[in-house]
Amino acid sequence: MPDSSNRPSLARNVISGIGLIVALISLANIIFLVVADLTGAHNPYVGILAYAVVPAFLVSGIALFFIGMLVERRRRHKVAPDEIERYPSLDLNVPHVRRLAIVWAFGSFFFIIISLLGSYRMYEYTDSDQFCGLVCHKVMHPEYTAYKQSPHARVGCVGCHVGAGAGWYVRSKMSGAYQVYSVLARKYPQPIPSPVENLRPSRETCEQCHWPEKFFGAQLKVFTHFGYDEQNTPREIRMLIKTGGGSPQGGLVAGIHWHMFNMNEIQYLASDRQRQKIEWVRMRNRRTNQATEYKAQDSKLTDAQIAAAPKRTMDCIDCHNRPTHIYVPPDRAIDREILAGRIDRTLPFIKQQAVEALSADYKTTPDALNGIDKSIRTYYSTKQPAVWNSKRAAVETAIKMVQNVTQNTRFPEMNVDWRTHPDNIGHFYFIGCFRCHDDQHTSKAGKTIPKDCHICHDVLGEQQAGNIMFEVPKNEFQHPVDLGDMRAVSCTDCHTGKPM
């Protein structure tokens, strides 16, 4: 056997040297980034660098180190085949070989443990809200900002978009791979289209907390609006929402959640991507298998086309389609600011001026902030000088609040605002319930899906400027402007979120 005790190490070559340098620099960076992450660094890129990008460089450096050794071995074997074995020999009876083997074993064990911990931390990080919302900042900025303002702000992104189990986790990461490519290649649409296709069924996500079978009865809700007049006149509507729910074991009940009642299956066919134009509906009783089909009177689809088209089975998100990423219309957003006391209601015409400034179209967010400031400031300084002199601080506060609203609800860079994604809850700014309940979907027997307000809610009372307009038992909505038969019109005919 050739004596190898005096030969230089195979690691003494340029390739292994470069690999060693890369590995050491990567290891130092990993230690620094992990410490930064564990001590509360708020930069969203710290996690992805610490647990994905830099570890990849570390593995590459280690691989390069061993590749260099193999290349050097092959070179030496070709130059002097008798002076070096083709394959290394391992003799634990040799002291330095034994020490090297022990160091190698402990090093490998340590590396595997660290790799496992790092892999778990990477898995944990890719499931975090920070990763979902901030890494692709420009693309996801509107969705993440709206999410943080939503009722589900404390529910993690993956709770709805992925849910429990390995199967959907793998599917989400596979689809995420293309999303990463589209961001890097700048091939993403602006705005991001909705609804999300192939979203996990709501029974496996939403219904882990919200359980329609346990819902019963009705809920009282109070809607407060402010007028566009000088006094910003408040108008309050008290409404009983017939939530409903139930199950064969708990009792059969009516109400809105009748649509989600286990005994009922509702399928529909929409002709547009956002599911706003419903061409066909079928309601089937799972117990009796009796079904009724309804077709829109203005539908141009033939029965054969309807039969061949893919149908969607209705679930929670067909009505609650914006449970989290909510882009509030200007009219409602300013109502909330006034109701919360963040905008002074005693400022004349503040509702009108704020909504006008907020609903104007701007090319960028800085343009919006400057435009809102200029619009409101100019109005009060030129047309309301007495108010400007006596309540300038309140006007300044109102400007800041409206600017804050636009930063949370309008994103010109991604072409996103309240008009981008229809909200199907109710029927005030978007057609919502009236997609089906419009008296225009008719069965072959002549039965229609009714446009009857009392199916879903009862109006208990209204008051304007503190004056009671009516209370029970009238139970009919009184519009401020006489529109005749309310069933002949829809709210969306006038209400767009902008000033009227």
Protein backbone atom coordinates (compact mmCIF):
# COMPACT_ATOMS: atom_id res chain seq x y z
CA MET A 1 0.00 0.00 0.00
CA PRO A 2 1.48 3.40 -0.91
CA ASP A 3 2.49 5.57 2.05
CA SER A 4 0.15 8.55 2.19
CA SER A 5 1.31 10.03 5.48
CA ASN A 6 3.43 12.73 3.87
CA ARG A 7 1.14 13.57 0.99
CA PRO A 8 -0.74 16.90 1.04
CA SER A 9 -4.46 16.70 1.80
CA LEU A 10 -6.86 16.29 -1.12
CA ALA A 11 -8.64 19.39 0.19
CA ARG A 12 -5.68 21.50 -0.87
CA ASN A 13 -7.04 22.68 -4.19
CA VAL A 14 -8.71 25.80 -5.53
CA ILE A 15 -12.20 24.30 -5.85
CA SER A 16 -12.27 22.95 -2.27
CA GLY A 17 -10.83 26.24 -1.02
CA ILE A 18 -13.59 28.21 -2.66
CA GLY A 19 -16.20 25.78 -1.30
CA LEU A 20 -14.76 26.11 2.22
CA ILE A 21 -14.82 29.91 2.05
CA VAL A 22 -18.43 29.91 0.79
CA ALA A 23 -19.48 27.45 3.53
CA LEU A 24 -17.81 29.44 6.33
CA ILE A 25 -19.23 32.76 5.16
CA SER A 26 -22.70 31.17 4.83
CA LEU A 27 -22.45 29.64 8.30
CA ALA A 28 -21.51 33.00 9.81
CA ASN A 29 -24.42 34.65 8.02
CA ILE A 30 -26.86 31.94 9.16
CA ILE A 31 -25.81 32.43 12.79
CA PHE A 32 -26.22 36.19 12.47
CA LEU A 33 -29.63 35.97 10.71
CA VAL A 34 -31.01 33.34 13.10
CA VAL A 35 -30.04 35.49 16.08
CA ALA A 36 -31.64 38.50 14.38
CA ASP A 37 -34.83 36.49 13.72
CA LEU A 38 -35.01 35.13 17.28
CA THR A 39 -34.46 38.57 18.81
CA GLY A 40 -37.44 40.06 17.00
CA ALA A 41 -36.21 41.43 13.68
CA HIS A 42 -39.25 42.74 11.77
CA ASN A 43 -37.77 42.60 8.28
CA PRO A 44 -39.71 39.92 6.34
CA TYR A 45 -36.62 38.95 4.37
CA VAL A 46 -34.64 37.90 7.46
CA GLY A 47 -36.54 34.62 7.74
CA ILE A 48 -36.30 33.64 4.09
CA LEU A 49 -32.59 34.49 4.03
CA ALA A 50 -31.86 32.66 7.29
CA TYR A 51 -33.78 29.47 6.53
CA ALA A 52 -33.80 29.18 2.74
CA VAL A 53 -31.38 31.31 0.73
CA VAL A 54 -28.21 31.25 2.88
CA PRO A 55 -28.53 27.54 3.85
CA ALA A 56 -28.64 26.79 0.13
CA PHE A 57 -25.26 28.56 -0.20
CA LEU A 58 -23.95 26.60 2.79
CA VAL A 59 -24.90 23.27 1.22
CA SER A 60 -23.46 24.43 -2.10
CA GLY A 61 -20.17 25.35 -0.39
CA ILE A 62 -19.95 21.95 1.33
CA ALA A 63 -20.75 20.19 -1.91
CA LEU A 64 -18.12 22.26 -3.72
CA PHE A 65 -15.56 21.31 -1.05
CA PHE A 66 -16.06 17.57 -1.67
CA ILE A 67 -16.28 18.00 -5.44
CA GLY A 68 -12.88 19.67 -5.30
CA MET A 69 -11.47 16.71 -3.35
CA LEU A 70 -12.83 14.26 -5.92
CA VAL A 71 -11.41 16.30 -8.81
CA GLU A 72 -8.03 16.51 -7.05
CA ARG A 73 -8.01 12.76 -6.38
CA ARG A 74 -8.76 12.04 -10.02
CA ARG A 75 -6.00 14.45 -11.13
CA ARG A 76 -3.40 12.88 -8.85
CA HIS A 77 -4.40 9.36 -9.86
CA LYS A 78 -3.89 10.22 -13.53
CA VAL A 79 -0.48 11.81 -12.88
CA ALA A 80 0.84 9.07 -10.58
CA PRO A 81 -1.50 6.06 -10.50
CA ASP A 82 0.86 4.09 -8.27
CA GLU A 83 1.15 6.78 -5.60
CA ILE A 84 -2.54 7.12 -4.67
CA GLU A 85 -5.33 4.62 -4.23
CA ARG A 86 -8.27 4.89 -6.58
CA TYR A 87 -10.59 4.79 -3.55
CA PRO A 88 -9.72 5.99 -0.05
CA SER A 89 -9.02 3.37 2.59
CA LEU A 90 -10.48 3.55 6.08
CA ASP A 91 -8.36 1.88 8.75
CA LEU A 92 -9.54 2.74 12.27
CA ASN A 93 -6.37 1.16 13.69
CA VAL A 94 -4.50 4.22 12.46
CA PRO A 95 -4.78 6.90 15.20
CA HIS A 96 -5.23 9.96 12.96
CA VAL A 97 -7.79 8.11 10.79
CA ARG A 98 -9.71 7.12 13.93
CA ARG A 99 -9.70 10.71 15.23
CA LEU A 100 -10.81 11.96 11.86
CA ALA A 101 -13.66 9.40 11.77
CA ILE A 102 -14.84 10.46 15.24
CA VAL A 103 -14.78 14.15 14.29
CA TRP A 104 -16.61 13.31 11.06
CA ALA A 105 -19.29 11.32 12.91
CA PHE A 106 -19.95 14.04 15.49
CA GLY A 107 -19.85 16.74 12.83
CA SER A 108 -22.31 14.85 10.66
CA PHE A 109 -24.65 14.28 13.63
CA PHE A 110 -24.50 17.96 14.55
CA PHE A 111 -25.09 19.01 10.93
CA ILE A 112 -28.12 16.69 10.61
CA ILE A 113 -29.65 18.01 13.84
CA ILE A 114 -29.12 21.61 12.77
CA SER A 115 -30.54 20.80 9.32
CA LEU A 116 -33.65 19.27 10.87
CA LEU A 117 -34.19 22.26 13.13
CA GLY A 118 -33.57 24.63 10.23
CA SER A 119 -35.96 22.69 8.00
CA TYR A 120 -38.70 22.85 10.63
CA ARG A 121 -38.09 26.57 11.12
CA MET A 122 -38.27 27.03 7.36
CA TYR A 123 -41.57 25.13 7.27
CA GLU A 124 -42.84 27.27 10.14
CA TYR A 125 -41.69 30.47 8.47
CA THR A 126 -43.30 29.67 5.12
CA ASP A 127 -46.58 29.24 7.02
CA SER A 128 -46.28 32.63 8.71
CA ASP A 129 -48.32 35.72 7.86
CA GLN A 130 -45.07 37.61 7.40
CA PHE A 131 -43.96 35.26 4.64
CA CYS A 132 -47.36 35.27 2.93
CA GLY A 133 -47.92 39.00 3.06
CA LEU A 134 -44.59 40.81 3.10
CA VAL A 135 -41.99 38.86 1.12
CA CYS A 136 -43.68 39.69 -2.20
CA HIS A 137 -44.38 43.18 -0.92
CA LYS A 138 -45.78 44.96 -3.97
CA VAL A 139 -47.88 42.02 -5.14
CA MET A 140 -49.46 41.14 -1.80
CA HIS A 141 -49.42 44.60 -0.20
CA PRO A 142 -53.13 45.28 -0.85
CA GLU A 143 -54.24 41.86 0.40
CA TYR A 144 -52.01 41.93 3.47
CA THR A 145 -53.00 45.48 4.41
CA ALA A 146 -56.71 44.70 4.08
CA TYR A 147 -56.19 41.46 6.03
CA LYS A 148 -54.60 43.32 8.96
CA GLN A 149 -57.69 45.58 9.13
CA SER A 150 -60.17 42.70 8.90
CA PRO A 151 -62.20 40.76 11.49
CA HIS A 152 -59.90 37.76 10.85
CA ALA A 153 -56.64 39.64 11.46
CA ARG A 154 -55.71 37.18 14.22
CA VAL A 155 -56.34 34.13 12.05
CA GLY A 156 -53.21 33.06 10.21
CA CYS A 157 -53.20 33.17 6.41
CA VAL A 158 -52.68 29.41 6.18
CA GLY A 159 -55.69 28.80 8.41
CA CYS A 160 -57.94 29.67 5.45
CA HIS A 161 -55.71 29.24 2.42
CA VAL A 162 -54.14 25.92 3.42
CA GLY A 163 -55.73 24.43 6.52
CA ALA A 164 -54.57 21.36 8.41
CA GLY A 165 -52.89 18.30 6.91
CA ALA A 166 -49.92 17.55 4.70
CA GLY A 167 -51.89 17.14 1.46
CA TRP A 168 -53.03 20.76 1.14
CA TYR A 169 -49.68 22.00 2.45
CA VAL A 170 -47.90 20.26 -0.44
CA ARG A 171 -50.49 21.55 -2.93
CA SER A 172 -50.08 25.10 -1.66
CA LYS A 173 -46.29 24.94 -1.97
CA MET A 174 -46.52 23.52 -5.49
CA SER A 175 -48.80 26.34 -6.58
CA GLY A 176 -46.58 28.76 -4.67
CA ALA A 177 -43.60 27.74 -6.81
CA TYR A 178 -45.30 29.22 -9.88
CA GLN A 179 -46.26 32.31 -7.90
CA VAL A 180 -42.60 32.87 -7.01
CA TYR A 181 -41.70 32.56 -10.69
CA SER A 182 -44.46 34.98 -11.73
CA VAL A 183 -43.24 37.56 -9.21
CA LEU A 184 -39.60 37.25 -10.28
CA ALA A 185 -40.57 37.39 -13.96
CA ARG A 186 -43.09 40.20 -13.33
CA LYS A 187 -45.87 38.19 -14.94
CA TYR A 188 -48.44 38.64 -12.20
CA PRO A 189 -51.78 40.32 -13.03
CA GLN A 190 -52.70 43.71 -11.60
CA PRO A 191 -54.97 43.35 -9.68
CA ILE A 192 -54.64 39.76 -8.47
CA PRO A 193 -57.87 38.14 -9.75
CA SER A 194 -60.57 36.82 -7.45
CA PRO A 195 -62.05 34.51 -6.39
CA VAL A 196 -59.11 32.21 -5.72
CA GLU A 197 -59.52 29.12 -7.88
CA ASN A 198 -59.20 25.67 -6.32
CA LEU A 199 -59.47 27.09 -2.81
CA ARG A 200 -59.84 24.47 -0.11
CA PRO A 201 -63.54 23.79 0.64
CA SER A 202 -64.86 25.99 3.42
CA ARG A 203 -66.14 22.99 5.37
CA GLU A 204 -62.47 22.10 5.95
CA THR A 205 -61.41 25.64 6.93
CA CYS A 206 -64.15 28.13 7.88
CA GLU A 207 -66.32 25.53 9.56
CA GLN A 208 -63.55 24.56 11.95
CA CYS A 209 -64.68 27.67 13.89
CA HIS A 210 -67.99 28.71 12.30
CA TRP A 211 -70.46 25.84 12.48
CA PRO A 212 -73.76 26.50 10.65
CA GLU A 213 -75.38 23.48 12.26
CA LYS A 214 -75.11 25.27 15.60
CA PHE A 215 -76.54 28.59 14.39
CA PHE A 216 -80.13 29.40 15.31
CA GLY A 217 -82.50 32.32 15.27
CA ALA A 218 -81.71 35.88 14.26
CA GLN A 219 -79.27 38.67 15.09
CA LEU A 220 -79.92 42.36 15.67
CA LYS A 221 -77.75 44.67 13.62
CA VAL A 222 -77.70 48.46 13.52
CA PHE A 223 -76.59 50.27 10.36
CA THR A 224 -75.54 53.90 10.72
CA HIS A 225 -75.12 56.20 7.74
CA PHE A 226 -74.40 59.91 7.54
CA GLY A 227 -75.90 62.21 4.93
CA TYR A 228 -74.16 64.39 2.39
CA ASP A 229 -75.87 67.51 3.72
CA GLU A 230 -74.33 70.32 5.74
CA GLN A 231 -75.17 68.68 9.09
CA ASN A 232 -73.91 65.21 8.02
CA THR A 233 -77.29 63.99 9.24
CA PRO A 234 -77.15 60.55 10.87
CA ARG A 235 -79.58 57.86 9.76
CA GLU A 236 -79.93 54.65 11.74
CA ILE A 237 -81.56 51.43 10.59
CA ARG A 238 -82.24 48.62 13.06
CA MET A 239 -82.53 45.30 11.31
CA LEU A 240 -83.10 41.71 12.43
CA ILE A 241 -80.88 39.44 10.34
CA LYS A 242 -82.38 35.97 10.00
CA THR A 243 -79.16 34.01 10.32
CA GLY A 244 -80.83 30.62 10.78
CA GLY A 245 -78.96 27.33 10.60
CA GLY A 246 -79.65 23.97 12.21
CA SER A 247 -79.37 20.28 11.45
CA PRO A 248 -81.61 17.20 11.27
CA GLN A 249 -80.59 16.43 14.87
CA GLY A 250 -80.81 19.99 16.18
CA GLY A 251 -83.94 21.02 14.32
CA LEU A 252 -84.93 22.29 10.90
CA VAL A 253 -84.92 26.07 10.64
CA ALA A 254 -85.11 28.69 7.92
CA GLY A 255 -82.93 31.75 7.47
CA ILE A 256 -79.85 32.66 5.49
CA HIS A 257 -77.95 29.52 6.47
CA TRP A 258 -80.67 27.47 4.88
CA HIS A 259 -78.36 27.69 1.88
CA MET A 260 -75.73 25.81 3.89
CA PHE A 261 -78.12 23.42 5.64
CA ASN A 262 -76.85 19.86 5.42
CA MET A 263 -80.10 18.64 3.89
CA ASN A 264 -79.84 21.10 0.99
CA GLU A 265 -77.43 21.10 -1.91
CA ILE A 266 -77.35 24.18 -4.12
CA GLN A 267 -75.42 24.17 -7.36
CA TYR A 268 -75.10 27.04 -9.77
CA LEU A 269 -73.51 28.06 -13.05
CA ALA A 270 -71.91 31.50 -13.41
CA SER A 271 -70.92 32.95 -16.77
CA ASP A 272 -68.24 35.30 -15.41
CA ARG A 273 -65.07 34.70 -13.44
CA GLN A 274 -66.22 36.68 -10.40
CA ARG A 275 -69.49 34.70 -10.23
CA GLN A 276 -71.70 37.77 -10.45
CA LYS A 277 -73.86 36.63 -13.35
CA ILE A 278 -75.72 33.45 -12.37
CA GLU A 279 -77.20 31.66 -15.37
CA TRP A 280 -78.63 28.57 -13.68
CA VAL A 281 -79.40 27.30 -10.16
CA ARG A 282 -80.42 23.88 -8.88
CA MET A 283 -81.70 23.17 -5.37
CA ARG A 284 -81.71 19.51 -4.34
CA ASN A 285 -83.04 17.96 -1.16
CA ARG A 286 -80.45 15.37 -0.15
CA ARG A 287 -82.98 13.39 1.83
CA THR A 288 -85.64 13.01 -0.88
CA ASN A 289 -83.35 13.71 -3.88
CA GLN A 290 -86.03 16.05 -5.19
CA ALA A 291 -84.49 18.86 -7.25
CA THR A 292 -85.70 22.11 -8.79
CA GLU A 293 -83.80 23.93 -11.50
CA TYR A 294 -84.01 27.67 -12.18
CA LYS A 295 -82.72 29.46 -15.24
CA ALA A 296 -82.15 33.20 -15.67
CA GLN A 297 -84.78 34.65 -17.98
CA ASP A 298 -82.15 36.59 -19.94
CA SER A 299 -79.74 33.63 -20.22
CA LYS A 300 -78.62 32.83 -23.75
CA LEU A 301 -77.31 29.40 -22.81
CA THR A 302 -79.09 26.39 -24.18
CA ASP A 303 -80.10 23.46 -21.99
CA ALA A 304 -77.35 21.40 -23.63
CA GLN A 305 -74.73 24.03 -22.83
CA ILE A 306 -75.90 24.22 -19.23
CA ALA A 307 -75.81 20.44 -18.88
CA ALA A 308 -72.25 20.29 -20.22
CA ALA A 309 -70.85 23.22 -18.24
CA PRO A 310 -69.04 22.61 -14.90
CA LYS A 311 -71.17 23.56 -11.89
CA ARG A 312 -70.17 24.93 -8.51
CA THR A 313 -71.65 23.62 -5.27
CA MET A 314 -72.48 26.56 -3.04
CA ASP A 315 -70.57 26.94 0.22
CA CYS A 316 -69.74 29.67 2.75
CA ILE A 317 -67.52 31.77 0.50
CA ASP A 318 -70.16 32.20 -2.19
CA CYS A 319 -71.72 34.81 0.11
CA HIS A 320 -68.84 35.48 2.52
CA ASN A 321 -66.45 35.94 -0.38
CA ARG A 322 -64.55 38.80 1.28
CA PRO A 323 -64.31 37.62 4.89
CA THR A 324 -60.82 39.02 5.32
CA HIS A 325 -59.43 40.97 2.36
CA ILE A 326 -62.06 43.71 2.56
CA TYR A 327 -61.73 46.89 0.51
CA VAL A 328 -64.29 49.22 2.06
CA PRO A 329 -66.12 51.67 -0.27
CA PRO A 330 -65.47 55.37 0.45
CA ASP A 331 -69.04 56.03 1.59
CA ARG A 332 -68.96 53.27 4.21
CA ALA A 333 -65.37 54.00 5.22
CA ILE A 334 -66.15 57.63 6.08
CA ASP A 335 -69.33 56.56 7.91
CA ARG A 336 -67.13 54.41 10.13
CA GLU A 337 -64.63 57.19 10.75
CA ILE A 338 -67.39 59.61 11.76
CA LEU A 339 -69.17 57.02 13.91
CA ALA A 340 -65.90 56.19 15.70
CA GLY A 341 -65.30 59.89 16.40
CA ARG A 342 -62.09 60.02 14.39
CA ILE A 343 -63.65 62.65 12.09
CA ASP A 344 -65.57 65.54 13.67
CA ARG A 345 -69.21 65.35 12.53
CA THR A 346 -69.76 69.02 13.31
CA LEU A 347 -67.58 70.03 10.36
CA PRO A 348 -70.06 71.17 7.68
CA PHE A 349 -70.25 68.85 4.66
CA ILE A 350 -67.34 66.77 5.93
CA LYS A 351 -68.98 63.52 4.77
CA GLN A 352 -69.42 64.89 1.26
CA GLN A 353 -65.93 66.38 1.01
CA ALA A 354 -64.21 63.33 2.49
CA VAL A 355 -65.96 60.87 0.18
CA GLU A 356 -65.33 63.02 -2.88
CA ALA A 357 -61.63 63.30 -2.06
CA LEU A 358 -61.35 59.60 -1.25
CA SER A 359 -63.19 58.33 -4.33
CA ALA A 360 -61.26 60.36 -6.91
CA ASP A 361 -58.98 58.28 -9.13
CA TYR A 362 -55.23 58.62 -8.49
CA LYS A 363 -52.27 57.02 -10.23
CA THR A 364 -50.15 56.42 -7.13
CA THR A 365 -50.59 56.42 -3.36
CA PRO A 366 -48.51 59.61 -2.93
CA ASP A 367 -50.78 61.27 -5.52
CA ALA A 368 -53.78 60.14 -3.46
CA LEU A 369 -52.36 61.51 -0.21
CA ASN A 370 -51.55 64.86 -1.82
CA GLY A 371 -54.89 64.98 -3.64
CA ILE A 372 -56.90 64.34 -0.47
CA ASP A 373 -54.95 66.98 1.42
CA LYS A 374 -55.40 69.56 -1.32
CA SER A 375 -59.10 68.82 -1.90
CA ILE A 376 -60.27 69.06 1.72
CA ARG A 377 -57.89 71.86 2.69
CA THR A 378 -58.87 73.98 -0.30
CA TYR A 379 -62.61 73.52 0.33
CA TYR A 380 -62.52 74.66 3.96
CA SER A 381 -59.96 77.44 3.49
CA THR A 382 -61.83 79.00 0.55
CA LYS A 383 -65.51 78.06 0.94
CA GLN A 384 -65.75 77.66 4.72
CA PRO A 385 -63.30 80.32 6.04
CA ALA A 386 -65.09 80.63 9.39
CA VAL A 387 -64.83 76.90 9.97
CA TRP A 388 -61.22 76.91 8.76
CA ASN A 389 -60.30 79.61 11.27
CA SER A 390 -62.18 78.14 14.23
CA LYS A 391 -61.74 74.39 13.64
CA ARG A 392 -58.53 74.08 11.69
CA ALA A 393 -57.23 71.34 13.99
CA ALA A 394 -60.38 69.26 13.36
CA VAL A 395 -59.97 69.73 9.59
CA GLU A 396 -56.31 68.67 9.80
CA THR A 397 -57.31 65.58 11.77
CA ALA A 398 -60.02 64.77 9.21
CA ILE A 399 -57.44 65.02 6.40
CA LYS A 400 -55.14 62.59 8.21
CA MET A 401 -57.98 60.14 8.83
CA VAL A 402 -59.07 60.19 5.17
CA GLN A 403 -55.45 59.69 4.10
CA ASN A 404 -55.23 56.75 6.49
CA VAL A 405 -58.38 55.26 4.93
CA THR A 406 -56.97 55.49 1.41
CA GLN A 407 -53.73 53.80 2.49
CA ASN A 408 -55.74 50.89 3.90
CA THR A 409 -58.34 50.50 1.16
CA ARG A 410 -56.97 51.84 -2.15
CA PHE A 411 -53.82 50.69 -3.94
CA PRO A 412 -53.39 52.43 -7.33
CA GLU A 413 -50.07 50.67 -8.04
CA MET A 414 -51.91 47.32 -8.16
CA ASN A 415 -55.17 48.74 -9.58
CA VAL A 416 -57.02 47.67 -6.43
CA ASP A 417 -59.91 49.43 -4.71
CA TRP A 418 -63.46 48.68 -3.56
CA ARG A 419 -64.65 48.16 -7.14
CA THR A 420 -62.07 45.47 -7.91
CA HIS A 421 -63.51 42.63 -5.81
CA PRO A 422 -67.32 42.50 -5.40
CA ASP A 423 -68.52 41.73 -1.88
CA ASN A 424 -71.50 39.37 -1.92
CA ILE A 425 -72.64 39.95 1.66
CA GLY A 426 -75.87 41.90 1.40
CA HIS A 427 -76.78 43.90 -1.67
CA PHE A 428 -75.93 47.54 -0.95
CA TYR A 429 -72.88 48.32 -3.08
CA PHE A 430 -72.81 45.07 -5.05
CA ILE A 431 -75.59 42.89 -6.37
CA GLY A 432 -74.86 40.17 -3.79
CA CYS A 433 -78.04 38.31 -2.83
CA PHE A 434 -79.81 39.57 -5.94
CA ARG A 435 -77.56 37.47 -8.15
CA CYS A 436 -80.16 34.75 -7.60
CA HIS A 437 -82.95 36.38 -5.59
CA ASP A 438 -84.13 38.68 -8.37
CA ASP A 439 -87.53 37.32 -9.46
CA GLN A 440 -85.78 36.54 -12.77
CA HIS A 441 -84.64 32.95 -12.19
CA THR A 442 -87.54 30.73 -13.20
CA SER A 443 -88.17 26.99 -13.13
CA LYS A 444 -89.98 25.12 -15.91
CA ALA A 445 -93.03 25.02 -13.66
CA GLY A 446 -93.03 28.84 -13.46
CA LYS A 447 -91.65 29.07 -9.93
CA THR A 448 -89.14 31.90 -9.32
CA ILE A 449 -86.41 32.60 -6.79
CA PRO A 450 -88.13 35.49 -5.00
CA LYS A 451 -86.78 38.97 -4.45
CA ASP A 452 -88.32 39.27 -1.02
CA CYS A 453 -86.47 41.21 1.68
CA HIS A 454 -88.26 39.36 4.49
CA ILE A 455 -86.60 36.07 3.57
CA CYS A 456 -83.32 37.27 5.07
CA HIS A 457 -84.15 40.20 7.34
CA ASP A 458 -86.85 42.32 8.98
CA VAL A 459 -86.50 46.07 9.46
CA LEU A 460 -87.41 46.85 13.07
CA GLY A 461 -87.11 50.60 12.91
CA GLU A 462 -85.46 53.66 11.43
CA GLN A 463 -84.56 57.05 12.77
CA GLN A 464 -83.01 60.12 11.17
CA ALA A 465 -81.30 62.93 13.08
CA GLY A 466 -82.60 61.33 16.29
CA ASN A 467 -86.20 61.41 15.10
CA ILE A 468 -87.92 58.02 14.96
CA MET A 469 -89.34 57.45 11.48
CA PHE A 470 -91.12 54.23 12.39
CA GLU A 471 -90.88 51.17 14.59
CA VAL A 472 -92.39 47.71 14.68
CA PRO A 473 -94.85 46.53 13.40
CA LYS A 474 -94.51 48.40 10.09
CA ASN A 475 -91.45 46.31 9.15
CA GLU A 476 -90.85 47.93 5.77
CA PHE A 477 -87.73 49.81 4.81
CA GLN A 478 -88.39 53.51 4.26
CA HIS A 479 -85.99 54.99 1.72
CA PRO A 480 -85.11 58.68 2.21
CA VAL A 481 -86.16 59.27 -1.39
CA ASP A 482 -89.47 57.86 -2.60
CA LEU A 483 -88.61 55.23 -5.21
CA GLY A 484 -92.00 53.59 -5.42
CA ASP A 485 -91.97 49.80 -5.42
CA MET A 486 -88.62 48.91 -3.83
CA ARG A 487 -88.70 45.45 -5.40
CA ALA A 488 -88.45 47.07 -8.83
CA VAL A 489 -85.02 48.53 -8.10
CA SER A 490 -81.77 47.39 -6.53
CA CYS A 491 -79.54 49.30 -4.11
CA THR A 492 -76.68 49.06 -6.59
CA ASP A 493 -78.66 51.12 -9.11
CA CYS A 494 -77.64 54.22 -7.10
CA HIS A 495 -75.20 53.16 -4.38
CA THR A 496 -71.69 52.79 -5.80
CA GLY A 497 -69.62 53.85 -2.79
CA LYS A 498 -69.08 57.31 -4.31
CA PRO A 499 -71.04 60.50 -3.51
CA MET A 500 -74.56 60.48 -4.91
